[in-house]
Amino acid sequence: MSNRKNLPQDGFSAVEGVLLVIIIAVVAGAVLFVHNKNQKTATNDAITTAAVATTAAKASGIDQQNIQEAQDEAAINSTHESSEQTDAISANASATDMGGAYNESNF
């Protein structure tokens, strides 16, 4: 027994080795948890960004469509007003060409 006390103690004991493995496992678990959480957040952000971009593109397309419809309607209104003015001028010219048909003194 006396020989055993005099021997130098090099290396780790079994308890120290188990504790080291447990600590490494806990740290690795924390790293994996944070990594997975960041991956899910990045995926959710990408999905949200894509949804916002799609919505913005649709809104932009709707705005462009509304602008085009307004321009088309303005062109139709302009053509219709021009046609009404031409009809009114023609009617006035016809009444004038009747040569006094509306003159009450001729009755």
C-alpha atoms as a PDB file:
ATOM      1  CA  MET A   1       0.000   0.000   0.000  1.00  0.00           C
ATOM      2  CA  SER A   2       2.757   2.371   0.696  1.00  0.00           C
ATOM      3  CA  ASN A   3       3.902   2.061  -2.913  1.00  0.00           C
ATOM      4  CA  ARG A   4       0.578   3.346  -4.131  1.00  0.00           C
ATOM      5  CA  LYS A   5       0.765   6.609  -2.175  1.00  0.00           C
ATOM      6  CA  ASN A   6       4.117   7.459  -3.617  1.00  0.00           C
ATOM      7  CA  LEU A   7       3.042   7.046  -7.281  1.00  0.00           C
ATOM      8  CA  PRO A   8       2.495  10.237  -9.241  1.00  0.00           C
ATOM      9  CA  GLN A   9      -1.153  10.766 -10.289  1.00  0.00           C
ATOM     10  CA  ASP A  10      -1.209  11.619 -13.966  1.00  0.00           C
ATOM     11  CA  GLY A  11      -4.328  11.856 -16.165  1.00  0.00           C
ATOM     12  CA  PHE A  12      -8.044  12.089 -15.411  1.00  0.00           C
ATOM     13  CA  SER A  13     -10.108  10.020 -13.063  1.00  0.00           C
ATOM     14  CA  ALA A  14     -13.297   8.355 -14.332  1.00  0.00           C
ATOM     15  CA  VAL A  15     -15.509  10.987 -12.651  1.00  0.00           C
ATOM     16  CA  GLU A  16     -13.594  13.831 -14.243  1.00  0.00           C
ATOM     17  CA  GLY A  17     -13.904  12.192 -17.673  1.00  0.00           C
ATOM     18  CA  VAL A  18     -17.690  11.730 -17.307  1.00  0.00           C
ATOM     19  CA  LEU A  19     -18.092  15.358 -16.170  1.00  0.00           C
ATOM     20  CA  LEU A  20     -16.091  16.548 -19.176  1.00  0.00           C
ATOM     21  CA  VAL A  21     -18.283  14.554 -21.571  1.00  0.00           C
ATOM     22  CA  ILE A  22     -21.461  15.928 -19.934  1.00  0.00           C
ATOM     23  CA  ILE A  23     -20.229  19.531 -20.193  1.00  0.00           C
ATOM     24  CA  ILE A  24     -19.322  19.089 -23.875  1.00  0.00           C
ATOM     25  CA  ALA A  25     -22.754  17.528 -24.556  1.00  0.00           C
ATOM     26  CA  VAL A  26     -24.571  20.443 -22.879  1.00  0.00           C
ATOM     27  CA  VAL A  27     -22.586  23.030 -24.845  1.00  0.00           C
ATOM     28  CA  ALA A  28     -23.163  21.142 -28.113  1.00  0.00           C
ATOM     29  CA  GLY A  29     -26.906  20.924 -27.360  1.00  0.00           C
ATOM     30  CA  ALA A  30     -27.086  24.670 -26.726  1.00  0.00           C
ATOM     31  CA  VAL A  31     -25.252  25.379 -29.975  1.00  0.00           C
ATOM     32  CA  LEU A  32     -27.612  23.128 -31.944  1.00  0.00           C
ATOM     33  CA  PHE A  33     -30.669  24.715 -30.315  1.00  0.00           C
ATOM     34  CA  VAL A  34     -29.532  28.251 -31.192  1.00  0.00           C
ATOM     35  CA  HIS A  35     -28.564  27.203 -34.718  1.00  0.00           C
ATOM     36  CA  ASN A  36     -31.954  25.573 -35.386  1.00  0.00           C
ATOM     37  CA  LYS A  37     -33.803  28.558 -33.961  1.00  0.00           C
ATOM     38  CA  ASN A  38     -31.836  30.910 -36.218  1.00  0.00           C
ATOM     39  CA  GLN A  39     -32.578  28.695 -39.237  1.00  0.00           C
ATOM     40  CA  LYS A  40     -36.326  28.773 -38.491  1.00  0.00           C
ATOM     41  CA  THR A  41     -36.221  32.548 -38.016  1.00  0.00           C
ATOM     42  CA  ALA A  42     -34.350  32.994 -41.293  1.00  0.00           C
ATOM     43  CA  THR A  43     -36.844  30.754 -43.093  1.00  0.00           C
ATOM     44  CA  ASN A  44     -39.801  32.633 -41.601  1.00  0.00           C
ATOM     45  CA  ASP A  45     -38.206  35.961 -42.532  1.00  0.00           C
ATOM     46  CA  ALA A  46     -37.662  34.744 -46.088  1.00  0.00           C
ATOM     47  CA  ILE A  47     -41.280  33.595 -46.333  1.00  0.00           C
ATOM     48  CA  THR A  48     -42.513  36.901 -44.917  1.00  0.00           C
ATOM     49  CA  THR A  49     -40.293  38.864 -47.291  1.00  0.00           C
ATOM     50  CA  ALA A  50     -41.536  36.832 -50.247  1.00  0.00           C
ATOM     51  CA  ALA A  51     -45.149  37.374 -49.188  1.00  0.00           C
ATOM     52  CA  VAL A  52     -44.601  41.119 -48.820  1.00  0.00           C
ATOM     53  CA  ALA A  53     -42.870  41.286 -52.193  1.00  0.00           C
ATOM     54  CA  THR A  54     -45.704  39.343 -53.818  1.00  0.00           C
ATOM     55  CA  THR A  55     -48.302  41.598 -52.211  1.00  0.00           C
ATOM     56  CA  ALA A  56     -46.382  44.689 -53.293  1.00  0.00           C
ATOM     57  CA  ALA A  57     -46.097  43.360 -56.832  1.00  0.00           C
ATOM     58  CA  LYS A  58     -49.820  42.643 -56.933  1.00  0.00           C
ATOM     59  CA  ALA A  59     -50.582  46.100 -55.573  1.00  0.00           C
ATOM     60  CA  SER A  60     -48.259  47.644 -58.130  1.00  0.00           C
ATOM     61  CA  GLY A  61     -49.951  45.655 -60.882  1.00  0.00           C
ATOM     62  CA  ILE A  62     -53.363  46.774 -59.635  1.00  0.00           C
ATOM     63  CA  ASP A  63     -52.171  50.386 -59.548  1.00  0.00           C
ATOM     64  CA  GLN A  64     -50.902  50.094 -63.102  1.00  0.00           C
ATOM     65  CA  GLN A  65     -54.196  48.524 -64.164  1.00  0.00           C
ATOM     66  CA  ASN A  66     -56.167  51.322 -62.469  1.00  0.00           C
ATOM     67  CA  ILE A  67     -54.029  53.948 -64.182  1.00  0.00           C
ATOM     68  CA  GLN A  68     -54.539  52.266 -67.559  1.00  0.00           C
ATOM     69  CA  GLU A  69     -58.295  52.011 -66.994  1.00  0.00           C
ATOM     70  CA  ALA A  70     -58.462  55.683 -66.008  1.00  0.00           C
ATOM     71  CA  GLN A  71     -56.547  56.658 -69.138  1.00  0.00           C
ATOM     72  CA  ASP A  72     -58.806  54.514 -71.309  1.00  0.00           C
ATOM     73  CA  GLU A  73     -61.907  55.998 -69.696  1.00  0.00           C
ATOM     74  CA  ALA A  74     -60.574  59.512 -70.179  1.00  0.00           C
ATOM     75  CA  ALA A  75     -59.952  58.775 -73.860  1.00  0.00           C
ATOM     76  CA  ILE A  76     -63.479  57.375 -74.251  1.00  0.00           C
ATOM     77  CA  ASN A  77     -64.966  60.393 -72.467  1.00  0.00           C
ATOM     78  CA  SER A  78     -62.950  62.736 -74.653  1.00  0.00           C
ATOM     79  CA  THR A  79     -64.122  60.961 -77.804  1.00  0.00           C
ATOM     80  CA  HIS A  80     -67.730  60.966 -76.573  1.00  0.00           C
ATOM     81  CA  GLU A  81     -67.615  64.673 -75.698  1.00  0.00           C
ATOM     82  CA  SER A  82     -66.083  65.450 -79.064  1.00  0.00           C
ATOM     83  CA  SER A  83     -68.855  63.461 -80.750  1.00  0.00           C
ATOM     84  CA  GLU A  84     -71.522  65.310 -78.721  1.00  0.00           C
ATOM     85  CA  GLN A  85     -70.001  68.661 -79.694  1.00  0.00           C
ATOM     86  CA  THR A  86     -69.968  67.657 -83.340  1.00  0.00           C
ATOM     87  CA  ASP A  87     -73.625  66.576 -83.112  1.00  0.00           C
ATOM     88  CA  ALA A  88     -74.567  69.840 -81.428  1.00  0.00           C
ATOM     89  CA  ILE A  89     -72.781  71.880 -84.063  1.00  0.00           C
ATOM     90  CA  SER A  90     -74.504  69.883 -86.806  1.00  0.00           C
ATOM     91  CA  ALA A  91     -77.891  70.417 -85.170  1.00  0.00           C
ATOM     92  CA  ASN A  92     -77.271  74.146 -84.924  1.00  0.00           C
ATOM     93  CA  ALA A  93     -76.162  74.238 -88.520  1.00  0.00           C
ATOM     94  CA  SER A  94     -79.303  72.349 -89.592  1.00  0.00           C
ATOM     95  CA  ALA A  95     -81.525  74.743 -87.696  1.00  0.00           C
ATOM     96  CA  THR A  96     -79.740  77.668 -89.287  1.00  0.00           C
ATOM     97  CA  ASP A  97     -80.064  76.115 -92.742  1.00  0.00           C
ATOM     98  CA  MET A  98     -83.838  75.886 -92.359  1.00  0.00           C
ATOM     99  CA  GLY A  99     -83.905  79.560 -93.104  1.00  0.00           C
ATOM    100  CA  GLY A 100     -86.076  80.984 -90.426  1.00  0.00           C
ATOM    101  CA  ALA A 101     -88.171  77.990 -89.547  1.00  0.00           C
ATOM    102  CA  TYR A 102     -88.019  79.114 -85.980  1.00  0.00           C
ATOM    103  CA  ASN A 103     -88.815  82.702 -86.744  1.00  0.00           C
ATOM    104  CA  GLU A 104     -92.305  83.369 -85.369  1.00  0.00           C
ATOM    105  CA  SER A 105     -92.840  86.356 -87.653  1.00  0.00           C
ATOM    106  CA  ASN A 106     -93.081  84.003 -90.653  1.00  0.00           C
ATOM    107  CA  PHE A 107     -96.240  82.292 -89.311  1.00  0.00           C
END
